Protein backbone atom coordinates (compact mmCIF):
# COMPACT_ATOMS: atom_id res chain seq x y z
CA MET A 1 201.60 137.13 -15.80
CA ALA A 2 205.00 138.11 -18.02
CA GLY A 3 207.95 135.71 -18.30
CA SER A 4 209.64 134.69 -15.59
CA GLU A 5 212.84 136.25 -17.26
CA GLN A 6 211.53 139.94 -16.71
CA PHE A 7 211.19 139.11 -12.98
CA ALA A 8 214.52 137.52 -12.25
CA GLU A 9 215.93 139.99 -10.04
CA ASP A 10 212.77 139.48 -7.54
CA GLU A 11 213.56 135.83 -7.60
CA ALA A 12 216.76 136.22 -6.45
CA VAL A 13 215.97 138.58 -4.12
CA CYS A 14 213.04 136.49 -2.69
CA ALA A 15 215.48 133.39 -2.83
CA GLN A 16 217.76 135.59 -0.30
CA LEU A 17 215.00 136.02 2.44
CA THR A 18 214.95 133.83 5.34
CA ASP A 19 212.68 135.52 7.89
CA PRO A 20 208.70 134.33 6.92
CA LEU A 21 207.39 137.77 7.52
CA ASP A 22 209.97 139.02 5.09
CA ARG A 23 209.17 136.41 2.39
CA GLU A 24 205.56 137.15 2.67
CA ALA A 25 205.56 140.86 2.61
CA PHE A 26 208.22 140.05 -0.80
CA ALA A 27 205.46 138.19 -2.03
CA ASN A 28 202.92 140.42 -1.69
CA LEU A 29 205.05 143.27 -3.29
CA MET A 30 205.94 141.10 -5.98
CA ALA A 31 202.03 140.13 -6.61
CA HIS A 32 201.42 143.75 -6.92
CA ALA A 33 204.23 145.08 -9.29
CA HIS A 34 204.07 141.86 -11.29
CA GLN A 35 200.35 142.75 -11.94
CA GLU A 36 201.43 145.86 -12.91
CA GLY A 37 204.23 144.56 -15.01
CA LYS A 38 206.83 146.22 -13.14
CA SER A 39 209.46 144.65 -10.71
CA ALA A 40 209.38 144.49 -7.02
CA ALA A 41 212.57 145.28 -6.83
CA ALA A 42 212.83 148.21 -8.84
CA MET A 43 209.70 149.85 -7.33
CA ILE A 44 211.33 149.73 -4.06
CA ARG A 45 214.30 151.37 -5.56
CA GLU A 46 212.15 154.18 -6.95
CA GLU A 47 209.78 154.52 -3.51
CA PRO A 48 211.73 152.41 -0.64
CA SER A 49 208.79 153.25 1.57
CA LEU A 50 206.65 150.96 -0.33
CA THR A 51 208.29 148.49 2.13
CA SER A 52 209.24 148.55 6.35
CA ARG A 53 211.51 145.76 6.26
CA PRO A 54 214.81 146.58 6.38
CA ARG A 55 216.05 143.36 4.90
CA ILE A 56 213.81 143.78 1.73
CA ARG A 57 215.30 147.44 1.29
CA LYS A 58 219.07 146.39 1.67
CA LEU A 59 218.75 143.77 -0.73
CA CYS A 60 216.59 145.95 -3.31
CA ILE A 61 218.91 149.07 -2.95
CA GLY A 62 221.90 147.47 -1.75
CA GLN A 63 224.08 146.35 -5.11
CA HIS A 64 221.88 149.01 -6.83
CA LYS A 65 223.02 152.44 -5.10
CA ALA A 66 223.43 153.85 -8.83
CA GLN A 67 220.09 152.77 -9.90
CA PHE A 68 218.43 153.90 -6.66
CA ILE A 69 219.73 157.37 -6.80
CA TRP A 70 218.83 157.64 -10.34
CA ALA A 71 215.13 156.75 -9.58
CA GLN A 72 214.90 158.82 -6.57
CA VAL A 73 215.96 161.69 -8.89
CA LYS A 74 213.54 160.59 -11.64
CA GLY A 75 211.08 160.43 -8.65
CA PHE A 76 211.75 164.37 -7.77
CA VAL A 77 211.70 165.58 -11.31
CA SER A 78 208.53 163.91 -12.38
CA ARG A 79 206.75 165.16 -9.46
CA PHE A 80 206.85 168.63 -10.99
CA GLY A 81 204.72 167.04 -13.97
CA LYS A 82 207.24 167.53 -16.52
CA PRO A 83 210.86 166.66 -17.36
CA LEU A 84 213.56 169.19 -16.60
CA GLU A 85 214.61 171.21 -19.69
CA PRO A 86 217.60 173.13 -19.96
CA PRO A 87 216.83 176.64 -19.37
CA GLN A 88 216.58 178.99 -22.27
CA PRO A 89 218.96 182.00 -23.06
CA GLY A 90 217.35 185.40 -23.39
């Protein structure tokens, strides 16, 4: 597993969760995300439906709305299979 510095945001989110069910759900997300070398919070910004827990979504997206919107745009574009390119004249 990668160093804890890489996943400091995940640790900060986890520390703010008081509901045991939220903590368990986020711990499961972290374990899965960290195995893939990703941050669980970043994964939730990319795909909010990864969790049904509103508190987790709020903590991961709340202060990072610009990152959330950018992740949504990138995800939408990537579903087309190639990056957007400006139209060619003529």
